[in-house]
Amino acid sequence: MRNLDITTLRSFVAVADHGGVTRAAGFLHLTQSAVSMQLKRLEELLGLDLLDRSGRTIALTPSGEQLLAYARRMVALNDEVIGRLTDQAYEGELALGVPHDIVYPAIPRAMQRFNALYPRVNVNLTTTNTRHLKEEFARGAFDLILTTESAAGEGGETIHHMPLRWVGARDGSVWRQRPLRIGFCRNCIFRATAIAALDAEGIDWEMALDSDSDRTVEATVSADLAVGVLLEGTQPSHQEVIDHDGTLPDLPVQHINLYGAERTRAPYVEELASLIRQGFAPLATQARPIRAAG
């Protein structure tokens, strides 16, 4: 079994690219004799003449031309492997959890800026509901989490406020029906809030579906088979905030809370927390004035 040597192939490619041994030696920071010896060993290994030395300048033989394409690919693949497993290996990891409805636009922007500052720290983003995020955070599964809650819990830092709104299908009418048909995931943290508001106003309601899937709830609401509750501005394009003119109860403002920044174990965790705060800051200036339901 004969094996090609990457260092020798790299010298061969350099000679082809630079038009001669002397220039290739300078590019490779080797002596001219070292490059010549590598080329000779390569020709002996293959039993082929790779360079035409009959003229004033070195040219590739037909066999050399054929080898050049393979040599380029092998050198490039070698460099990719080395780069991926050594020079570009991650030096740290950070687990971030965010409810899916507040991922955009702040989180991708914060992650992009963080990657520019810490290209060798890998951010593992998980999107799920607030209840699950807090449970996993308590177990130590996340370095940072964001939550949507009516108030900040212990260790939480409120970085933004967003009002809850009743949402339905575009030009829908199911919100006028009684009992009111509502749609929520089983683990949706807004579910109990909405039900309490309806009960306080004496509005009859019924659950339109029982599902763990956000997509199922979204489809049901979009089909005008139920109404739902979302943070203002997070409704999909096929839904709209219901202009109910007071026939549905007001809903409380929600706090966007950040957990984990106070217990950072690495400086880059606080850096990401800072970038997340900065990402939500412009949203506060764009938001409409909000009032707590009372």
C-alpha atoms as a PDB file:
ATOM      1  CA  MET A   1       0.000   0.000   0.000  1.00  0.00           C
ATOM      2  CA  ARG A   2       1.482   3.332  -1.068  1.00  0.00           C
ATOM      3  CA  ASN A   3       0.402   6.470   0.774  1.00  0.00           C
ATOM      4  CA  LEU A   4       0.594  10.026  -0.465  1.00  0.00           C
ATOM      5  CA  ASP A   5       2.106  12.555   1.921  1.00  0.00           C
ATOM      6  CA  ILE A   6       0.195  15.814   2.414  1.00  0.00           C
ATOM      7  CA  THR A   7       3.367  17.855   2.912  1.00  0.00           C
ATOM      8  CA  THR A   8       4.729  16.587  -0.400  1.00  0.00           C
ATOM      9  CA  LEU A   9       1.439  17.275  -2.171  1.00  0.00           C
ATOM     10  CA  ARG A  10       1.417  20.796  -0.719  1.00  0.00           C
ATOM     11  CA  SER A  11       4.882  21.403  -2.223  1.00  0.00           C
ATOM     12  CA  PHE A  12       3.706  20.023  -5.575  1.00  0.00           C
ATOM     13  CA  VAL A  13       0.692  22.374  -5.594  1.00  0.00           C
ATOM     14  CA  ALA A  14       2.912  25.319  -4.651  1.00  0.00           C
ATOM     15  CA  VAL A  15       5.286  24.597  -7.541  1.00  0.00           C
ATOM     16  CA  ALA A  16       2.360  24.423  -9.950  1.00  0.00           C
ATOM     17  CA  ASP A  17       0.822  27.631  -8.601  1.00  0.00           C
ATOM     18  CA  HIS A  18       4.039  29.659  -8.438  1.00  0.00           C
ATOM     19  CA  GLY A  19       5.647  28.416 -11.641  1.00  0.00           C
ATOM     20  CA  GLY A  20       8.827  26.986 -10.214  1.00  0.00           C
ATOM     21  CA  VAL A  21      10.681  25.483  -7.300  1.00  0.00           C
ATOM     22  CA  THR A  22      12.386  28.689  -6.163  1.00  0.00           C
ATOM     23  CA  ARG A  23       9.190  30.684  -5.750  1.00  0.00           C
ATOM     24  CA  ALA A  24       7.392  27.723  -4.195  1.00  0.00           C
ATOM     25  CA  ALA A  25      10.213  27.305  -1.666  1.00  0.00           C
ATOM     26  CA  GLY A  26       9.871  30.946  -0.627  1.00  0.00           C
ATOM     27  CA  PHE A  27       6.103  30.599  -0.256  1.00  0.00           C
ATOM     28  CA  LEU A  28       6.477  27.431   1.839  1.00  0.00           C
ATOM     29  CA  HIS A  29       9.388  28.808   3.900  1.00  0.00           C
ATOM     30  CA  LEU A  30      11.534  25.853   2.835  1.00  0.00           C
ATOM     31  CA  THR A  31      14.850  25.577   1.056  1.00  0.00           C
ATOM     32  CA  GLN A  32      14.874  25.000  -2.675  1.00  0.00           C
ATOM     33  CA  SER A  33      16.639  21.668  -2.198  1.00  0.00           C
ATOM     34  CA  ALA A  34      13.977  20.512   0.277  1.00  0.00           C
ATOM     35  CA  VAL A  35      11.178  21.198  -2.213  1.00  0.00           C
ATOM     36  CA  SER A  36      13.108  19.514  -5.025  1.00  0.00           C
ATOM     37  CA  MET A  37      13.651  16.436  -2.846  1.00  0.00           C
ATOM     38  CA  GLN A  38       9.927  16.244  -2.014  1.00  0.00           C
ATOM     39  CA  LEU A  39       9.000  16.396  -5.693  1.00  0.00           C
ATOM     40  CA  LYS A  40      11.532  13.687  -6.517  1.00  0.00           C
ATOM     41  CA  ARG A  41      10.095  11.397  -3.797  1.00  0.00           C
ATOM     42  CA  LEU A  42       6.574  12.005  -5.110  1.00  0.00           C
ATOM     43  CA  GLU A  43       7.587  11.051  -8.657  1.00  0.00           C
ATOM     44  CA  GLU A  44       9.378   7.933  -7.387  1.00  0.00           C
ATOM     45  CA  LEU A  45       6.348   6.907  -5.313  1.00  0.00           C
ATOM     46  CA  LEU A  46       4.007   7.157  -8.306  1.00  0.00           C
ATOM     47  CA  GLY A  47       6.535   6.002 -10.896  1.00  0.00           C
ATOM     48  CA  LEU A  48       5.600   8.992 -13.060  1.00  0.00           C
ATOM     49  CA  ASP A  49       7.174  12.170 -14.362  1.00  0.00           C
ATOM     50  CA  LEU A  50       5.070  15.003 -12.963  1.00  0.00           C
ATOM     51  CA  LEU A  51       7.181  17.966 -14.087  1.00  0.00           C
ATOM     52  CA  ASP A  52       8.505  18.763 -17.567  1.00  0.00           C
ATOM     53  CA  ARG A  53      11.972  20.140 -16.964  1.00  0.00           C
ATOM     54  CA  SER A  54      13.042  20.321 -20.626  1.00  0.00           C
ATOM     55  CA  GLY A  55      12.288  24.028 -21.055  1.00  0.00           C
ATOM     56  CA  ARG A  56      13.509  27.142 -19.341  1.00  0.00           C
ATOM     57  CA  THR A  57      10.530  27.005 -16.973  1.00  0.00           C
ATOM     58  CA  ILE A  58       8.993  24.029 -15.217  1.00  0.00           C
ATOM     59  CA  ALA A  59       5.678  22.815 -16.619  1.00  0.00           C
ATOM     60  CA  LEU A  60       3.372  19.988 -15.621  1.00  0.00           C
ATOM     61  CA  THR A  61       3.254  16.792 -17.601  1.00  0.00           C
ATOM     62  CA  PRO A  62      -0.150  15.284 -18.453  1.00  0.00           C
ATOM     63  CA  SER A  63       0.236  13.069 -15.362  1.00  0.00           C
ATOM     64  CA  GLY A  64       1.114  16.156 -13.303  1.00  0.00           C
ATOM     65  CA  GLU A  65      -1.993  17.965 -14.534  1.00  0.00           C
ATOM     66  CA  GLN A  66      -4.117  15.009 -13.523  1.00  0.00           C
ATOM     67  CA  LEU A  67      -2.525  14.781 -10.084  1.00  0.00           C
ATOM     68  CA  LEU A  68      -2.892  18.520  -9.451  1.00  0.00           C
ATOM     69  CA  ALA A  69      -6.696  18.360  -9.215  1.00  0.00           C
ATOM     70  CA  TYR A  70      -6.504  15.530  -6.665  1.00  0.00           C
ATOM     71  CA  ALA A  71      -3.687  17.222  -4.742  1.00  0.00           C
ATOM     72  CA  ARG A  72      -5.673  20.443  -4.332  1.00  0.00           C
ATOM     73  CA  ARG A  73      -8.654  18.554  -2.932  1.00  0.00           C
ATOM     74  CA  MET A  74      -6.533  16.467  -0.563  1.00  0.00           C
ATOM     75  CA  VAL A  75      -4.651  19.476   0.800  1.00  0.00           C
ATOM     76  CA  ALA A  76      -7.895  21.424   1.221  1.00  0.00           C
ATOM     77  CA  LEU A  77      -9.571  18.505   3.014  1.00  0.00           C
ATOM     78  CA  ASN A  78      -6.552  18.094   5.286  1.00  0.00           C
ATOM     79  CA  ASP A  79      -6.663  21.784   6.216  1.00  0.00           C
ATOM     80  CA  GLU A  80     -10.407  21.621   6.824  1.00  0.00           C
ATOM     81  CA  VAL A  81     -10.032  18.684   9.223  1.00  0.00           C
ATOM     82  CA  ILE A  82      -7.180  20.303  11.111  1.00  0.00           C
ATOM     83  CA  GLY A  83      -9.014  23.612  11.313  1.00  0.00           C
ATOM     84  CA  ARG A  84     -12.265  22.051  12.477  1.00  0.00           C
ATOM     85  CA  LEU A  85     -10.726  19.835  15.147  1.00  0.00           C
ATOM     86  CA  THR A  86      -7.969  22.077  16.482  1.00  0.00           C
ATOM     87  CA  ASP A  87      -7.698  25.751  15.597  1.00  0.00           C
ATOM     88  CA  GLN A  88     -11.453  26.264  15.396  1.00  0.00           C
ATOM     89  CA  ALA A  89     -12.422  23.933  18.222  1.00  0.00           C
ATOM     90  CA  TYR A  90     -14.878  25.445  20.667  1.00  0.00           C
ATOM     91  CA  GLU A  91     -13.304  26.598  23.917  1.00  0.00           C
ATOM     92  CA  GLY A  92     -16.578  26.823  25.792  1.00  0.00           C
ATOM     93  CA  GLU A  93     -20.308  26.198  25.607  1.00  0.00           C
ATOM     94  CA  LEU A  94     -23.280  28.198  26.793  1.00  0.00           C
ATOM     95  CA  ALA A  95     -26.838  26.873  27.120  1.00  0.00           C
ATOM     96  CA  LEU A  96     -29.536  29.480  26.438  1.00  0.00           C
ATOM     97  CA  GLY A  97     -33.274  28.861  26.800  1.00  0.00           C
ATOM     98  CA  VAL A  98     -35.931  31.187  25.362  1.00  0.00           C
ATOM     99  CA  PRO A  99     -39.713  30.911  24.902  1.00  0.00           C
ATOM    100  CA  HIS A 100     -40.359  30.541  21.190  1.00  0.00           C
ATOM    101  CA  ASP A 101     -42.621  33.601  20.985  1.00  0.00           C
ATOM    102  CA  ILE A 102     -39.912  36.062  22.061  1.00  0.00           C
ATOM    103  CA  VAL A 103     -36.988  34.689  20.077  1.00  0.00           C
ATOM    104  CA  TYR A 104     -37.340  37.266  17.296  1.00  0.00           C
ATOM    105  CA  PRO A 105     -35.903  39.770  16.693  1.00  0.00           C
ATOM    106  CA  ALA A 106     -33.641  40.244  19.722  1.00  0.00           C
ATOM    107  CA  ILE A 107     -32.110  36.781  20.220  1.00  0.00           C
ATOM    108  CA  PRO A 108     -30.631  36.168  16.730  1.00  0.00           C
ATOM    109  CA  ARG A 109     -29.124  39.654  16.803  1.00  0.00           C
ATOM    110  CA  ALA A 110     -27.585  39.056  20.238  1.00  0.00           C
ATOM    111  CA  MET A 111     -26.209  35.670  19.183  1.00  0.00           C
ATOM    112  CA  GLN A 112     -24.671  37.150  16.044  1.00  0.00           C
ATOM    113  CA  ARG A 113     -22.894  39.873  18.012  1.00  0.00           C
ATOM    114  CA  PHE A 114     -21.793  37.354  20.636  1.00  0.00           C
ATOM    115  CA  ASN A 115     -20.274  35.107  17.965  1.00  0.00           C
ATOM    116  CA  ALA A 116     -18.209  38.018  16.680  1.00  0.00           C
ATOM    117  CA  LEU A 117     -16.819  38.566  20.189  1.00  0.00           C
ATOM    118  CA  TYR A 118     -16.437  34.889  21.151  1.00  0.00           C
ATOM    119  CA  PRO A 119     -16.192  32.835  17.946  1.00  0.00           C
ATOM    120  CA  ARG A 120     -14.928  29.810  19.856  1.00  0.00           C
ATOM    121  CA  VAL A 121     -17.798  29.647  22.347  1.00  0.00           C
ATOM    122  CA  ASN A 122     -20.739  27.553  21.173  1.00  0.00           C
ATOM    123  CA  VAL A 123     -24.229  28.821  22.096  1.00  0.00           C
ATOM    124  CA  ASN A 124     -26.820  26.028  22.349  1.00  0.00           C
ATOM    125  CA  LEU A 125     -30.244  27.650  21.976  1.00  0.00           C
ATOM    126  CA  THR A 126     -33.369  25.817  23.160  1.00  0.00           C
ATOM    127  CA  THR A 127     -36.882  27.166  22.613  1.00  0.00           C
ATOM    128  CA  THR A 128     -39.712  25.866  24.786  1.00  0.00           C
ATOM    129  CA  ASN A 129     -42.321  27.147  27.234  1.00  0.00           C
ATOM    130  CA  THR A 130     -41.503  29.186  30.339  1.00  0.00           C
ATOM    131  CA  ARG A 131     -42.579  26.506  32.802  1.00  0.00           C
ATOM    132  CA  HIS A 132     -40.230  23.928  31.309  1.00  0.00           C
ATOM    133  CA  LEU A 133     -37.381  26.437  31.063  1.00  0.00           C
ATOM    134  CA  LYS A 134     -37.611  27.296  34.743  1.00  0.00           C
ATOM    135  CA  GLU A 135     -37.706  23.623  35.745  1.00  0.00           C
ATOM    136  CA  GLU A 136     -34.629  22.831  33.668  1.00  0.00           C
ATOM    137  CA  PHE A 137     -32.835  25.979  34.833  1.00  0.00           C
ATOM    138  CA  ALA A 138     -33.353  24.890  38.441  1.00  0.00           C
ATOM    139  CA  ARG A 139     -31.665  21.576  37.567  1.00  0.00           C
ATOM    140  CA  GLY A 140     -28.691  23.446  36.097  1.00  0.00           C
ATOM    141  CA  ALA A 141     -29.440  22.593  32.473  1.00  0.00           C
ATOM    142  CA  PHE A 142     -29.185  26.231  31.317  1.00  0.00           C
ATOM    143  CA  ASP A 143     -26.725  29.054  31.893  1.00  0.00           C
ATOM    144  CA  LEU A 144     -29.260  31.718  30.901  1.00  0.00           C
ATOM    145  CA  ILE A 145     -32.994  31.668  30.310  1.00  0.00           C
ATOM    146  CA  LEU A 146     -35.636  34.198  29.369  1.00  0.00           C
ATOM    147  CA  THR A 147     -39.191  33.818  30.628  1.00  0.00           C
ATOM    148  CA  THR A 148     -42.568  35.455  30.138  1.00  0.00           C
ATOM    149  CA  GLU A 149     -44.229  35.901  33.546  1.00  0.00           C
ATOM    150  CA  SER A 150     -46.606  38.212  35.368  1.00  0.00           C
ATOM    151  CA  ALA A 151     -43.731  39.098  37.724  1.00  0.00           C
ATOM    152  CA  ALA A 152     -40.064  38.260  38.132  1.00  0.00           C
ATOM    153  CA  GLY A 153     -39.331  35.254  40.301  1.00  0.00           C
ATOM    154  CA  GLU A 154     -36.432  34.908  42.717  1.00  0.00           C
ATOM    155  CA  GLY A 155     -33.187  35.747  40.931  1.00  0.00           C
ATOM    156  CA  GLY A 156     -35.024  37.096  37.907  1.00  0.00           C
ATOM    157  CA  GLU A 157     -34.274  40.422  36.242  1.00  0.00           C
ATOM    158  CA  THR A 158     -37.043  42.104  34.253  1.00  0.00           C
ATOM    159  CA  ILE A 159     -35.605  43.444  30.998  1.00  0.00           C
ATOM    160  CA  HIS A 160     -38.801  44.239  29.076  1.00  0.00           C
ATOM    161  CA  HIS A 161     -42.599  44.438  29.402  1.00  0.00           C
ATOM    162  CA  MET A 162     -45.127  43.244  26.821  1.00  0.00           C
ATOM    163  CA  PRO A 163     -48.941  43.329  27.041  1.00  0.00           C
ATOM    164  CA  LEU A 164     -51.019  40.214  26.491  1.00  0.00           C
ATOM    165  CA  ARG A 165     -53.674  40.450  23.786  1.00  0.00           C
ATOM    166  CA  TRP A 166     -56.574  38.319  22.643  1.00  0.00           C
ATOM    167  CA  VAL A 167     -55.864  37.070  19.117  1.00  0.00           C
ATOM    168  CA  GLY A 168     -57.956  35.340  16.488  1.00  0.00           C
ATOM    169  CA  ALA A 169     -58.200  34.587  12.802  1.00  0.00           C
ATOM    170  CA  ARG A 170     -58.042  37.540  10.428  1.00  0.00           C
ATOM    171  CA  ASP A 171     -61.585  38.889  10.003  1.00  0.00           C
ATOM    172  CA  GLY A 172     -62.720  36.125  12.378  1.00  0.00           C
ATOM    173  CA  SER A 173     -65.938  36.101  14.385  1.00  0.00           C
ATOM    174  CA  VAL A 174     -65.570  33.248  16.884  1.00  0.00           C
ATOM    175  CA  TRP A 175     -64.690  35.767  19.610  1.00  0.00           C
ATOM    176  CA  ARG A 176     -68.321  36.985  19.510  1.00  0.00           C
ATOM    177  CA  GLN A 177     -69.735  33.549  20.396  1.00  0.00           C
ATOM    178  CA  ARG A 178     -70.688  32.407  23.891  1.00  0.00           C
ATOM    179  CA  PRO A 179     -69.494  30.282  25.437  1.00  0.00           C
ATOM    180  CA  LEU A 180     -66.207  31.663  24.196  1.00  0.00           C
ATOM    181  CA  ARG A 181     -64.055  28.992  22.561  1.00  0.00           C
ATOM    182  CA  ILE A 182     -60.436  29.315  23.650  1.00  0.00           C
ATOM    183  CA  GLY A 183     -57.310  27.470  22.540  1.00  0.00           C
ATOM    184  CA  PHE A 184     -54.155  26.917  24.574  1.00  0.00           C
ATOM    185  CA  CYS A 185     -51.394  24.351  24.943  1.00  0.00           C
ATOM    186  CA  ARG A 186     -51.540  22.428  28.195  1.00  0.00           C
ATOM    187  CA  ASN A 187     -48.303  24.012  29.397  1.00  0.00           C
ATOM    188  CA  CYS A 188     -48.961  27.551  28.149  1.00  0.00           C
ATOM    189  CA  ILE A 189     -48.263  29.948  30.994  1.00  0.00           C
ATOM    190  CA  PHE A 190     -50.912  32.355  29.618  1.00  0.00           C
ATOM    191  CA  ARG A 191     -53.687  29.757  29.963  1.00  0.00           C
ATOM    192  CA  ALA A 192     -54.413  30.249  33.665  1.00  0.00           C
ATOM    193  CA  THR A 193     -54.173  34.040  33.294  1.00  0.00           C
ATOM    194  CA  ALA A 194     -56.747  34.117  30.491  1.00  0.00           C
ATOM    195  CA  ILE A 195     -59.149  31.770  32.276  1.00  0.00           C
ATOM    196  CA  ALA A 196     -58.929  33.793  35.487  1.00  0.00           C
ATOM    197  CA  ALA A 197     -59.711  36.984  33.552  1.00  0.00           C
ATOM    198  CA  LEU A 198     -62.736  35.385  31.869  1.00  0.00           C
ATOM    199  CA  ASP A 199     -64.040  34.000  35.150  1.00  0.00           C
ATOM    200  CA  ALA A 200     -63.623  37.377  36.834  1.00  0.00           C
ATOM    201  CA  GLU A 201     -65.801  38.965  34.146  1.00  0.00           C
ATOM    202  CA  GLY A 202     -68.382  36.160  34.282  1.00  0.00           C
ATOM    203  CA  ILE A 203     -67.785  35.187  30.650  1.00  0.00           C
ATOM    204  CA  ASP A 204     -68.686  31.581  29.830  1.00  0.00           C
ATOM    205  CA  TRP A 205     -65.939  29.706  28.003  1.00  0.00           C
ATOM    206  CA  GLU A 206     -65.007  26.254  26.738  1.00  0.00           C
ATOM    207  CA  MET A 207     -61.676  24.753  25.736  1.00  0.00           C
ATOM    208  CA  ALA A 208     -61.649  24.197  21.991  1.00  0.00           C
ATOM    209  CA  LEU A 209     -58.746  21.703  22.038  1.00  0.00           C
ATOM    210  CA  ASP A 210     -56.419  19.848  24.347  1.00  0.00           C
ATOM    211  CA  SER A 211     -52.942  19.663  22.845  1.00  0.00           C
ATOM    212  CA  ASP A 212     -49.249  19.940  23.631  1.00  0.00           C
ATOM    213  CA  SER A 213     -48.522  21.364  20.174  1.00  0.00           C
ATOM    214  CA  ASP A 214     -48.162  25.097  19.606  1.00  0.00           C
ATOM    215  CA  ARG A 215     -48.690  24.503  15.885  1.00  0.00           C
ATOM    216  CA  THR A 216     -52.019  22.754  16.543  1.00  0.00           C
ATOM    217  CA  VAL A 217     -53.221  25.682  18.633  1.00  0.00           C
ATOM    218  CA  GLU A 218     -52.018  28.146  15.994  1.00  0.00           C
ATOM    219  CA  ALA A 219     -53.902  26.294  13.257  1.00  0.00           C
ATOM    220  CA  THR A 220     -57.098  26.110  15.324  1.00  0.00           C
ATOM    221  CA  VAL A 221     -57.052  29.827  16.111  1.00  0.00           C
ATOM    222  CA  SER A 222     -56.173  30.690  12.509  1.00  0.00           C
ATOM    223  CA  ALA A 223     -59.153  28.640  11.325  1.00  0.00           C
ATOM    224  CA  ASP A 224     -61.465  30.846  13.453  1.00  0.00           C
ATOM    225  CA  LEU A 225     -62.354  27.885  15.667  1.00  0.00           C
ATOM    226  CA  ALA A 226     -61.021  29.463  18.857  1.00  0.00           C
ATOM    227  CA  VAL A 227     -59.348  32.564  20.217  1.00  0.00           C
ATOM    228  CA  GLY A 228     -55.975  32.600  21.875  1.00  0.00           C
ATOM    229  CA  VAL A 229     -53.715  34.871  23.889  1.00  0.00           C
ATOM    230  CA  LEU A 230     -50.295  36.078  22.754  1.00  0.00           C
ATOM    231  CA  LEU A 231     -47.840  38.798  23.571  1.00  0.00           C
ATOM    232  CA  GLU A 232     -48.601  41.870  21.512  1.00  0.00           C
ATOM    233  CA  GLY A 233     -46.638  41.855  18.273  1.00  0.00           C
ATOM    234  CA  THR A 234     -45.873  38.124  18.320  1.00  0.00           C
ATOM    235  CA  GLN A 235     -48.994  36.960  16.485  1.00  0.00           C
ATOM    236  CA  PRO A 236     -48.350  35.241  13.118  1.00  0.00           C
ATOM    237  CA  SER A 237     -49.361  36.963   9.889  1.00  0.00           C
ATOM    238  CA  HIS A 238     -52.549  34.873   9.573  1.00  0.00           C
ATOM    239  CA  GLN A 239     -53.836  36.075  12.963  1.00  0.00           C
ATOM    240  CA  GLU A 240     -54.684  39.497  14.341  1.00  0.00           C
ATOM    241  CA  VAL A 241     -55.221  41.207  17.674  1.00  0.00           C
ATOM    242  CA  ILE A 242     -58.983  41.208  18.324  1.00  0.00           C
ATOM    243  CA  ASP A 243     -60.546  44.662  18.469  1.00  0.00           C
ATOM    244  CA  HIS A 244     -63.239  43.524  20.915  1.00  0.00           C
ATOM    245  CA  ASP A 245     -64.195  46.990  22.229  1.00  0.00           C
ATOM    246  CA  GLY A 246     -64.286  45.793  25.819  1.00  0.00           C
ATOM    247  CA  THR A 247     -66.352  42.653  25.303  1.00  0.00           C
ATOM    248  CA  LEU A 248     -63.371  40.572  26.364  1.00  0.00           C
ATOM    249  CA  PRO A 249     -61.450  41.222  29.591  1.00  0.00           C
ATOM    250  CA  ASP A 250     -58.213  43.159  29.694  1.00  0.00           C
ATOM    251  CA  LEU A 251     -55.148  41.011  30.229  1.00  0.00           C
ATOM    252  CA  PRO A 252     -52.141  41.820  32.397  1.00  0.00           C
ATOM    253  CA  VAL A 253     -48.768  43.016  31.220  1.00  0.00           C
ATOM    254  CA  GLN A 254     -46.136  40.301  31.070  1.00  0.00           C
ATOM    255  CA  HIS A 255     -42.551  40.670  32.250  1.00  0.00           C
ATOM    256  CA  ILE A 256     -39.711  39.407  30.084  1.00  0.00           C
ATOM    257  CA  ASN A 257     -37.333  38.116  32.739  1.00  0.00           C
ATOM    258  CA  LEU A 258     -33.695  37.095  32.513  1.00  0.00           C
ATOM    259  CA  TYR A 259     -32.322  34.418  34.856  1.00  0.00           C
ATOM    260  CA  GLY A 260     -28.745  33.291  35.329  1.00  0.00           C
ATOM    261  CA  ALA A 261     -26.744  36.473  34.861  1.00  0.00           C
ATOM    262  CA  GLU A 262     -26.149  36.798  38.597  1.00  0.00           C
ATOM    263  CA  ARG A 263     -24.546  33.360  38.886  1.00  0.00           C
ATOM    264  CA  THR A 264     -22.225  33.463  35.893  1.00  0.00           C
ATOM    265  CA  ARG A 265     -19.319  31.051  35.933  1.00  0.00           C
ATOM    266  CA  ALA A 266     -17.576  32.469  32.861  1.00  0.00           C
ATOM    267  CA  PRO A 267     -17.215  36.082  31.694  1.00  0.00           C
ATOM    268  CA  TYR A 268     -18.754  35.322  28.316  1.00  0.00           C
ATOM    269  CA  VAL A 269     -22.064  34.363  29.987  1.00  0.00           C
ATOM    270  CA  GLU A 270     -22.451  37.883  31.357  1.00  0.00           C
ATOM    271  CA  GLU A 271     -21.466  39.226  27.932  1.00  0.00           C
ATOM    272  CA  LEU A 272     -24.345  37.363  26.277  1.00  0.00           C
ATOM    273  CA  ALA A 273     -26.709  38.536  29.028  1.00  0.00           C
ATOM    274  CA  SER A 274     -25.647  42.112  28.316  1.00  0.00           C
ATOM    275  CA  LEU A 275     -26.217  41.680  24.579  1.00  0.00           C
ATOM    276  CA  ILE A 276     -29.692  40.246  25.236  1.00  0.00           C
ATOM    277  CA  ARG A 277     -30.553  43.280  27.393  1.00  0.00           C
ATOM    278  CA  GLN A 278     -29.360  45.556  24.597  1.00  0.00           C
ATOM    279  CA  GLY A 279     -31.420  43.566  22.083  1.00  0.00           C
ATOM    280  CA  PHE A 280     -34.656  44.174  23.963  1.00  0.00           C
ATOM    281  CA  ALA A 281     -33.940  47.864  24.684  1.00  0.00           C
ATOM    282  CA  PRO A 282     -35.095  49.148  21.263  1.00  0.00           C
ATOM    283  CA  LEU A 283     -38.338  47.181  21.590  1.00  0.00           C
ATOM    284  CA  ALA A 284     -39.235  49.169  24.712  1.00  0.00           C
ATOM    285  CA  THR A 285     -39.086  52.443  22.784  1.00  0.00           C
ATOM    286  CA  GLN A 286     -41.172  51.005  19.924  1.00  0.00           C
ATOM    287  CA  ALA A 287     -43.889  49.552  22.149  1.00  0.00           C
ATOM    288  CA  ARG A 288     -47.239  51.258  22.639  1.00  0.00           C
ATOM    289  CA  PRO A 289     -47.968  52.600  26.119  1.00  0.00           C
ATOM    290  CA  ILE A 290     -49.290  49.759  28.242  1.00  0.00           C
ATOM    291  CA  ARG A 291     -51.316  49.586  31.386  1.00  0.00           C
ATOM    292  CA  ALA A 292     -51.819  46.768  33.801  1.00  0.00           C
ATOM    293  CA  ALA A 293     -55.222  45.198  33.843  1.00  0.00           C
ATOM    294  CA  GLY A 294     -57.170  46.207  36.861  1.00  0.00           C
END
